[in-house]
């Protein structure tokens, strides 16, 4: 019997699932909005909300716990400095999942997970190298 065993396995091993949530939570904290499948978004929500709760409580031990779950120093700083103060007066419900249709290639249901009261300018920030016209001319 598997009573009270919650969570989706998402067709992954436990280590792969841990790495998936670690990377997705770092991406969500960085960009404050990401597009993924509905199942992954629904599983990511409690993972990220627990991280924000740790950040709101503050303290060294909670910072170390959050670091062990996130393993991204830049996003840890943003989590404790920016997001903790933003949601200081909110009791849970820091994220929302919006269904976004189906993916064309395999018809998977897609969703957008984002922070409530998010910073719109954070979306797409440092998403990769941006090639300027000078770099383009040099490459040609």
N, C-alpha and C. Protein backbone atom coordinates (compact mmCIF):
# COMPACT_ATOMS: atom_id res chain seq x y z
N UNK A 1 0.84 -1.20 0.00
CA UNK A 1 0.00 0.00 0.00
C UNK A 1 0.87 1.24 0.00
N UNK A 2 0.43 2.24 -0.74
CA UNK A 2 1.19 3.48 -0.83
C UNK A 2 0.38 4.65 -0.28
N UNK A 3 -0.26 4.43 0.81
CA UNK A 3 -1.06 5.49 1.42
C UNK A 3 -0.18 6.67 1.82
N UNK A 4 -0.64 7.85 1.57
CA UNK A 4 -0.01 9.11 1.99
C UNK A 4 1.38 9.32 1.39
N UNK A 5 1.68 8.65 0.28
CA UNK A 5 2.93 8.87 -0.41
C UNK A 5 2.63 9.86 -1.54
N UNK A 6 2.96 11.11 -1.32
CA UNK A 6 2.56 12.15 -2.26
C UNK A 6 3.64 12.44 -3.28
N UNK A 7 3.29 13.24 -4.25
CA UNK A 7 4.25 13.70 -5.24
C UNK A 7 4.25 12.86 -6.49
N UNK A 8 4.57 13.51 -7.59
CA UNK A 8 4.66 12.82 -8.87
C UNK A 8 6.11 12.40 -9.10
N UNK A 9 6.29 11.25 -9.75
CA UNK A 9 7.64 10.78 -10.04
C UNK A 9 8.18 11.40 -11.33
N UNK A 10 7.30 11.83 -12.22
CA UNK A 10 7.68 12.51 -13.46
C UNK A 10 8.61 11.68 -14.33
N UNK A 11 8.51 10.36 -14.27
CA UNK A 11 9.30 9.44 -15.09
C UNK A 11 10.80 9.63 -14.90
N UNK A 12 11.22 9.98 -13.68
CA UNK A 12 12.64 10.24 -13.41
C UNK A 12 13.08 9.50 -12.15
N UNK A 13 14.39 9.28 -12.04
CA UNK A 13 14.93 8.74 -10.80
C UNK A 13 14.88 9.83 -9.74
N UNK A 14 15.10 9.46 -8.51
CA UNK A 14 15.01 10.45 -7.43
C UNK A 14 16.09 11.51 -7.55
N UNK A 15 17.30 11.12 -7.98
CA UNK A 15 18.37 12.10 -8.14
C UNK A 15 18.08 13.06 -9.29
N UNK A 16 17.53 12.52 -10.36
CA UNK A 16 17.18 13.36 -11.51
C UNK A 16 16.06 14.33 -11.13
N UNK A 17 15.10 13.85 -10.36
CA UNK A 17 13.99 14.70 -9.90
C UNK A 17 14.49 15.81 -8.99
N UNK A 18 15.42 15.49 -8.11
CA UNK A 18 16.01 16.50 -7.22
C UNK A 18 16.73 17.58 -8.03
N UNK A 19 17.52 17.15 -9.01
CA UNK A 19 18.23 18.10 -9.86
C UNK A 19 17.25 18.94 -10.68
N UNK A 20 16.18 18.32 -11.14
CA UNK A 20 15.17 19.04 -11.92
C UNK A 20 14.55 20.17 -11.10
N UNK A 21 14.12 19.86 -9.89
CA UNK A 21 13.49 20.89 -9.05
C UNK A 21 14.50 21.96 -8.62
N UNK A 22 15.73 21.55 -8.41
CA UNK A 22 16.79 22.49 -8.04
C UNK A 22 17.00 23.51 -9.17
N UNK A 23 17.12 23.02 -10.40
CA UNK A 23 17.35 23.89 -11.55
C UNK A 23 16.12 24.74 -11.86
N UNK A 24 14.94 24.13 -11.79
CA UNK A 24 13.73 24.88 -12.11
C UNK A 24 13.44 25.96 -11.06
N UNK A 25 13.72 25.66 -9.80
CA UNK A 25 13.49 26.68 -8.77
C UNK A 25 14.48 27.83 -8.91
N UNK A 26 15.73 27.52 -9.28
CA UNK A 26 16.70 28.59 -9.52
C UNK A 26 16.28 29.45 -10.70
N UNK A 27 15.76 28.81 -11.75
CA UNK A 27 15.29 29.57 -12.92
C UNK A 27 14.07 30.42 -12.57
N UNK A 28 13.18 29.88 -11.76
CA UNK A 28 11.99 30.64 -11.37
C UNK A 28 12.36 31.83 -10.50
N UNK A 29 13.30 31.65 -9.58
CA UNK A 29 13.73 32.77 -8.74
C UNK A 29 14.43 33.83 -9.58
N UNK A 30 15.20 33.40 -10.57
CA UNK A 30 15.94 34.35 -11.41
C UNK A 30 15.00 35.13 -12.33
N UNK A 31 14.12 34.42 -13.04
CA UNK A 31 13.28 35.06 -14.05
C UNK A 31 11.89 35.43 -13.54
N UNK A 32 11.48 34.86 -12.41
CA UNK A 32 10.20 35.09 -11.75
C UNK A 32 9.01 34.61 -12.57
N UNK A 33 9.26 33.97 -13.70
CA UNK A 33 8.20 33.35 -14.50
C UNK A 33 8.86 32.37 -15.46
N UNK A 34 8.39 31.11 -15.48
CA UNK A 34 8.91 30.13 -16.42
C UNK A 34 7.75 29.33 -17.01
N UNK A 35 7.99 28.77 -18.19
CA UNK A 35 7.00 27.93 -18.86
C UNK A 35 7.47 26.49 -18.79
N UNK A 36 6.58 25.61 -18.36
CA UNK A 36 6.92 24.19 -18.21
C UNK A 36 5.64 23.39 -18.37
N UNK A 37 5.71 22.08 -18.14
CA UNK A 37 4.49 21.28 -18.21
C UNK A 37 3.67 21.49 -16.94
N UNK A 38 2.40 21.16 -17.02
CA UNK A 38 1.49 21.37 -15.89
C UNK A 38 1.94 20.53 -14.69
N UNK A 39 2.31 19.27 -14.93
CA UNK A 39 2.72 18.39 -13.83
C UNK A 39 3.96 18.92 -13.12
N UNK A 40 4.94 19.37 -13.89
CA UNK A 40 6.16 19.91 -13.28
C UNK A 40 5.86 21.20 -12.52
N UNK A 41 5.01 22.03 -13.07
CA UNK A 41 4.66 23.29 -12.40
C UNK A 41 3.95 23.03 -11.07
N UNK A 42 3.05 22.06 -11.07
CA UNK A 42 2.32 21.75 -9.83
C UNK A 42 3.22 21.14 -8.77
N UNK A 43 4.25 20.41 -9.20
CA UNK A 43 5.20 19.85 -8.24
C UNK A 43 6.22 20.88 -7.79
N UNK A 44 6.54 21.84 -8.65
CA UNK A 44 7.52 22.87 -8.31
C UNK A 44 6.96 23.87 -7.30
N UNK A 45 5.66 24.11 -7.34
CA UNK A 45 5.05 25.13 -6.48
C UNK A 45 5.36 24.93 -4.99
N UNK A 46 5.10 23.76 -4.38
CA UNK A 46 5.42 23.64 -2.95
C UNK A 46 6.92 23.71 -2.66
N UNK A 47 7.75 23.26 -3.60
CA UNK A 47 9.20 23.30 -3.43
C UNK A 47 9.66 24.74 -3.29
N UNK A 48 9.19 25.61 -4.18
CA UNK A 48 9.60 27.01 -4.17
C UNK A 48 8.97 27.75 -2.98
N UNK A 49 7.74 27.44 -2.67
CA UNK A 49 7.07 28.15 -1.57
C UNK A 49 7.73 27.83 -0.23
N UNK A 50 8.24 26.62 -0.07
CA UNK A 50 8.97 26.29 1.16
C UNK A 50 10.29 27.05 1.23
N UNK A 51 10.93 27.26 0.06
CA UNK A 51 12.16 28.05 0.04
C UNK A 51 11.88 29.50 0.46
N UNK A 52 10.78 30.06 -0.01
CA UNK A 52 10.44 31.44 0.36
C UNK A 52 10.11 31.53 1.84
N UNK A 53 9.46 30.52 2.37
CA UNK A 53 9.16 30.52 3.81
C UNK A 53 10.44 30.48 4.62
N UNK A 54 11.43 29.69 4.18
CA UNK A 54 12.73 29.67 4.86
C UNK A 54 13.38 31.05 4.80
N UNK A 55 13.28 31.71 3.65
CA UNK A 55 13.89 33.03 3.49
C UNK A 55 13.19 34.06 4.38
N UNK A 56 11.88 33.95 4.52
CA UNK A 56 11.15 34.89 5.36
C UNK A 56 11.55 34.75 6.84
N UNK A 57 11.79 33.52 7.27
CA UNK A 57 12.21 33.31 8.66
C UNK A 57 13.61 33.85 8.90
N UNK A 58 14.46 33.78 7.86
CA UNK A 58 15.81 34.30 7.96
C UNK A 58 16.69 33.46 8.87
N UNK A 59 17.88 33.96 9.16
CA UNK A 59 18.81 33.25 10.03
C UNK A 59 19.78 32.39 9.25
N UNK A 60 20.87 32.08 9.90
CA UNK A 60 21.94 31.32 9.25
C UNK A 60 21.52 29.89 8.94
N UNK A 61 20.84 29.23 9.86
CA UNK A 61 20.47 27.83 9.63
C UNK A 61 19.47 27.71 8.49
N UNK A 62 18.53 28.65 8.39
CA UNK A 62 17.58 28.62 7.28
C UNK A 62 18.26 28.95 5.95
N UNK A 63 19.26 29.83 6.00
CA UNK A 63 20.01 30.14 4.78
C UNK A 63 20.77 28.90 4.32
N UNK A 64 21.35 28.15 5.25
CA UNK A 64 22.07 26.93 4.88
C UNK A 64 21.13 25.85 4.35
N UNK A 65 19.93 25.73 4.95
CA UNK A 65 18.94 24.78 4.45
C UNK A 65 18.51 25.15 3.03
N UNK A 66 18.26 26.43 2.80
CA UNK A 66 17.86 26.87 1.46
C UNK A 66 18.99 26.65 0.46
N UNK A 67 20.23 26.89 0.90
CA UNK A 67 21.37 26.66 0.01
C UNK A 67 21.50 25.18 -0.37
N UNK A 68 21.23 24.30 0.57
CA UNK A 68 21.33 22.87 0.28
C UNK A 68 20.26 22.43 -0.71
N UNK A 69 19.13 23.13 -0.74
CA UNK A 69 18.06 22.77 -1.67
C UNK A 69 18.18 23.51 -3.00
N UNK A 70 18.92 24.62 -3.04
CA UNK A 70 18.98 25.46 -4.23
C UNK A 70 20.33 25.37 -4.94
N UNK A 71 21.43 25.40 -4.19
CA UNK A 71 22.80 25.32 -4.70
C UNK A 71 23.10 26.35 -5.79
N UNK A 72 22.58 27.56 -5.62
CA UNK A 72 22.87 28.65 -6.55
C UNK A 72 23.01 29.91 -5.70
N UNK A 73 24.26 30.37 -5.54
CA UNK A 73 24.53 31.46 -4.61
C UNK A 73 23.85 32.77 -5.02
N UNK A 74 23.83 33.07 -6.31
CA UNK A 74 23.23 34.32 -6.76
C UNK A 74 21.72 34.32 -6.49
N UNK A 75 21.07 33.19 -6.73
CA UNK A 75 19.62 33.13 -6.50
C UNK A 75 19.31 33.06 -5.01
N UNK A 76 20.24 32.52 -4.21
CA UNK A 76 20.05 32.49 -2.76
C UNK A 76 20.04 33.91 -2.20
N UNK A 77 20.93 34.76 -2.72
CA UNK A 77 20.96 36.15 -2.28
C UNK A 77 19.66 36.85 -2.66
N UNK A 78 19.19 36.63 -3.89
CA UNK A 78 17.92 37.24 -4.31
C UNK A 78 16.77 36.72 -3.47
N UNK A 79 16.78 35.44 -3.16
CA UNK A 79 15.71 34.83 -2.36
C UNK A 79 15.62 35.48 -0.98
N UNK A 80 16.76 35.64 -0.32
CA UNK A 80 16.74 36.16 1.05
C UNK A 80 16.63 37.67 1.10
N UNK A 81 17.14 38.39 0.10
CA UNK A 81 17.12 39.85 0.15
C UNK A 81 15.88 40.44 -0.51
N UNK A 82 15.55 39.97 -1.70
CA UNK A 82 14.46 40.59 -2.47
C UNK A 82 13.12 39.92 -2.18
N UNK A 83 13.06 38.60 -2.39
CA UNK A 83 11.77 37.92 -2.30
C UNK A 83 11.25 37.83 -0.87
N UNK A 84 12.14 37.66 0.11
CA UNK A 84 11.69 37.56 1.50
C UNK A 84 11.04 38.87 1.95
N UNK A 85 11.61 39.99 1.55
CA UNK A 85 11.01 41.28 1.94
C UNK A 85 9.74 41.55 1.15
N UNK A 86 9.68 41.09 -0.10
CA UNK A 86 8.49 41.30 -0.92
C UNK A 86 7.27 40.57 -0.36
N UNK A 87 7.49 39.36 0.15
CA UNK A 87 6.38 38.55 0.64
C UNK A 87 6.33 38.49 2.17
N UNK A 88 6.89 39.48 2.84
CA UNK A 88 6.94 39.48 4.30
C UNK A 88 5.55 39.49 4.93
N UNK A 89 4.59 40.16 4.29
CA UNK A 89 3.26 40.26 4.88
C UNK A 89 2.26 39.30 4.25
N UNK A 90 2.71 38.39 3.40
CA UNK A 90 1.82 37.42 2.75
C UNK A 90 2.00 36.06 3.42
N UNK A 91 0.89 35.43 3.76
CA UNK A 91 0.93 34.13 4.41
C UNK A 91 0.72 33.01 3.39
N UNK A 92 1.75 32.69 2.66
CA UNK A 92 1.67 31.62 1.68
C UNK A 92 1.07 32.10 0.37
N UNK A 93 1.01 31.20 -0.60
CA UNK A 93 0.47 31.54 -1.90
C UNK A 93 1.35 32.50 -2.66
N UNK A 94 2.64 32.19 -2.74
CA UNK A 94 3.60 33.09 -3.38
C UNK A 94 3.67 32.88 -4.89
N UNK A 95 3.17 31.74 -5.38
CA UNK A 95 3.25 31.44 -6.80
C UNK A 95 1.86 31.15 -7.35
N UNK A 96 1.73 31.27 -8.67
CA UNK A 96 0.50 30.86 -9.34
C UNK A 96 0.86 30.05 -10.56
N UNK A 97 -0.01 29.10 -10.90
CA UNK A 97 0.17 28.27 -12.08
C UNK A 97 -0.97 28.60 -13.04
N UNK A 98 -0.60 29.04 -14.25
CA UNK A 98 -1.58 29.40 -15.27
C UNK A 98 -1.43 28.42 -16.41
N UNK A 99 -2.51 27.75 -16.79
CA UNK A 99 -2.44 26.80 -17.89
C UNK A 99 -2.27 27.56 -19.21
N UNK A 100 -1.40 27.02 -20.07
CA UNK A 100 -1.02 27.74 -21.28
C UNK A 100 -1.17 26.89 -22.53
N UNK A 101 -2.21 26.09 -22.61
CA UNK A 101 -2.45 25.32 -23.82
C UNK A 101 -1.64 24.04 -23.88
N UNK A 102 -1.45 23.53 -25.08
CA UNK A 102 -0.71 22.29 -25.26
C UNK A 102 0.51 22.54 -26.14
N UNK A 103 1.54 21.72 -25.93
CA UNK A 103 2.77 21.82 -26.72
C UNK A 103 2.53 21.18 -28.09
N UNK A 104 3.01 21.83 -29.12
CA UNK A 104 2.73 21.37 -30.49
C UNK A 104 3.38 20.02 -30.78
N UNK A 105 4.57 19.77 -30.26
CA UNK A 105 5.31 18.56 -30.64
C UNK A 105 4.71 17.28 -30.08
N UNK A 106 4.30 17.29 -28.81
CA UNK A 106 3.82 16.05 -28.21
C UNK A 106 2.49 16.21 -27.48
N UNK A 107 1.84 17.35 -27.63
CA UNK A 107 0.52 17.61 -27.04
C UNK A 107 0.53 17.54 -25.51
N UNK A 108 1.67 17.86 -24.90
CA UNK A 108 1.73 17.92 -23.44
C UNK A 108 1.05 19.19 -22.95
N UNK A 109 0.27 19.11 -21.89
CA UNK A 109 -0.34 20.34 -21.36
C UNK A 109 0.74 21.23 -20.73
N UNK A 110 0.78 22.47 -21.16
CA UNK A 110 1.80 23.41 -20.71
C UNK A 110 1.21 24.40 -19.71
N UNK A 111 2.10 24.96 -18.87
CA UNK A 111 1.66 25.92 -17.87
C UNK A 111 2.76 26.95 -17.65
N UNK A 112 2.35 28.10 -17.16
CA UNK A 112 3.28 29.15 -16.77
C UNK A 112 3.21 29.23 -15.25
N UNK A 113 4.35 29.09 -14.59
CA UNK A 113 4.41 29.27 -13.14
C UNK A 113 5.15 30.58 -12.90
N UNK A 114 4.56 31.41 -12.06
CA UNK A 114 5.13 32.72 -11.81
C UNK A 114 4.87 33.13 -10.38
N UNK A 115 5.67 34.10 -9.91
CA UNK A 115 5.46 34.66 -8.59
C UNK A 115 4.30 35.64 -8.64
N UNK A 116 3.51 35.67 -7.59
CA UNK A 116 2.49 36.69 -7.43
C UNK A 116 3.23 37.99 -7.15
N UNK A 117 2.77 39.09 -7.70
CA UNK A 117 3.42 40.40 -7.56
C UNK A 117 4.86 40.34 -8.07
N UNK A 118 5.05 39.72 -9.22
CA UNK A 118 6.41 39.53 -9.75
C UNK A 118 6.95 40.81 -10.35
N UNK A 119 8.28 40.84 -10.48
CA UNK A 119 8.97 41.94 -11.14
C UNK A 119 9.03 41.62 -12.63
N UNK A 120 8.31 42.38 -13.43
CA UNK A 120 8.20 42.08 -14.86
C UNK A 120 9.54 42.21 -15.57
N UNK A 121 10.41 43.09 -15.10
CA UNK A 121 11.70 43.30 -15.76
C UNK A 121 12.67 42.13 -15.56
N UNK A 122 12.39 41.22 -14.63
CA UNK A 122 13.30 40.09 -14.37
C UNK A 122 13.17 39.00 -15.42
N UNK A 123 12.07 38.99 -16.18
CA UNK A 123 11.86 37.93 -17.17
C UNK A 123 12.89 38.04 -18.29
N UNK A 124 13.57 36.92 -18.58
CA UNK A 124 14.55 36.87 -19.65
C UNK A 124 15.90 37.47 -19.29
N UNK A 125 16.09 37.79 -18.04
CA UNK A 125 17.33 38.43 -17.60
C UNK A 125 18.49 37.43 -17.67
N UNK A 126 19.58 37.81 -18.31
CA UNK A 126 20.78 36.97 -18.44
C UNK A 126 20.44 35.58 -18.98
N UNK A 127 19.64 35.53 -20.03
CA UNK A 127 19.24 34.24 -20.59
C UNK A 127 20.29 33.62 -21.47
N UNK A 128 21.36 34.33 -21.75
CA UNK A 128 22.42 33.78 -22.57
C UNK A 128 23.17 34.90 -23.24
N UNK A 129 24.16 34.55 -24.03
CA UNK A 129 24.95 35.58 -24.69
C UNK A 129 24.12 36.32 -25.74
N UNK A 130 24.21 37.62 -25.72
CA UNK A 130 23.52 38.46 -26.69
C UNK A 130 24.57 38.95 -27.68
N UNK A 131 24.35 38.68 -28.94
CA UNK A 131 25.33 39.05 -29.96
C UNK A 131 24.98 40.43 -30.51
N UNK A 132 25.91 41.34 -30.40
CA UNK A 132 25.70 42.69 -30.93
C UNK A 132 26.05 42.71 -32.41
N UNK A 133 25.78 43.84 -33.05
CA UNK A 133 26.09 43.97 -34.48
C UNK A 133 27.59 43.88 -34.75
N UNK A 134 28.40 44.41 -33.85
CA UNK A 134 29.85 44.35 -34.00
C UNK A 134 30.35 42.91 -33.96
N UNK A 135 29.81 42.11 -33.00
CA UNK A 135 30.21 40.71 -32.90
C UNK A 135 29.76 39.94 -34.14
N UNK A 136 28.59 40.31 -34.67
CA UNK A 136 28.07 39.63 -35.85
C UNK A 136 28.95 39.92 -37.06
N UNK A 137 29.40 41.15 -37.18
CA UNK A 137 30.26 41.52 -38.30
C UNK A 137 31.62 40.82 -38.21
N UNK A 138 32.15 40.70 -36.99
CA UNK A 138 33.43 40.03 -36.79
C UNK A 138 33.34 38.54 -37.12
N UNK A 139 32.21 37.93 -36.80
CA UNK A 139 32.05 36.50 -37.05
C UNK A 139 31.92 36.22 -38.55
N UNK A 140 31.43 37.18 -39.31
CA UNK A 140 31.20 36.96 -40.74
C UNK A 140 32.43 37.17 -41.56
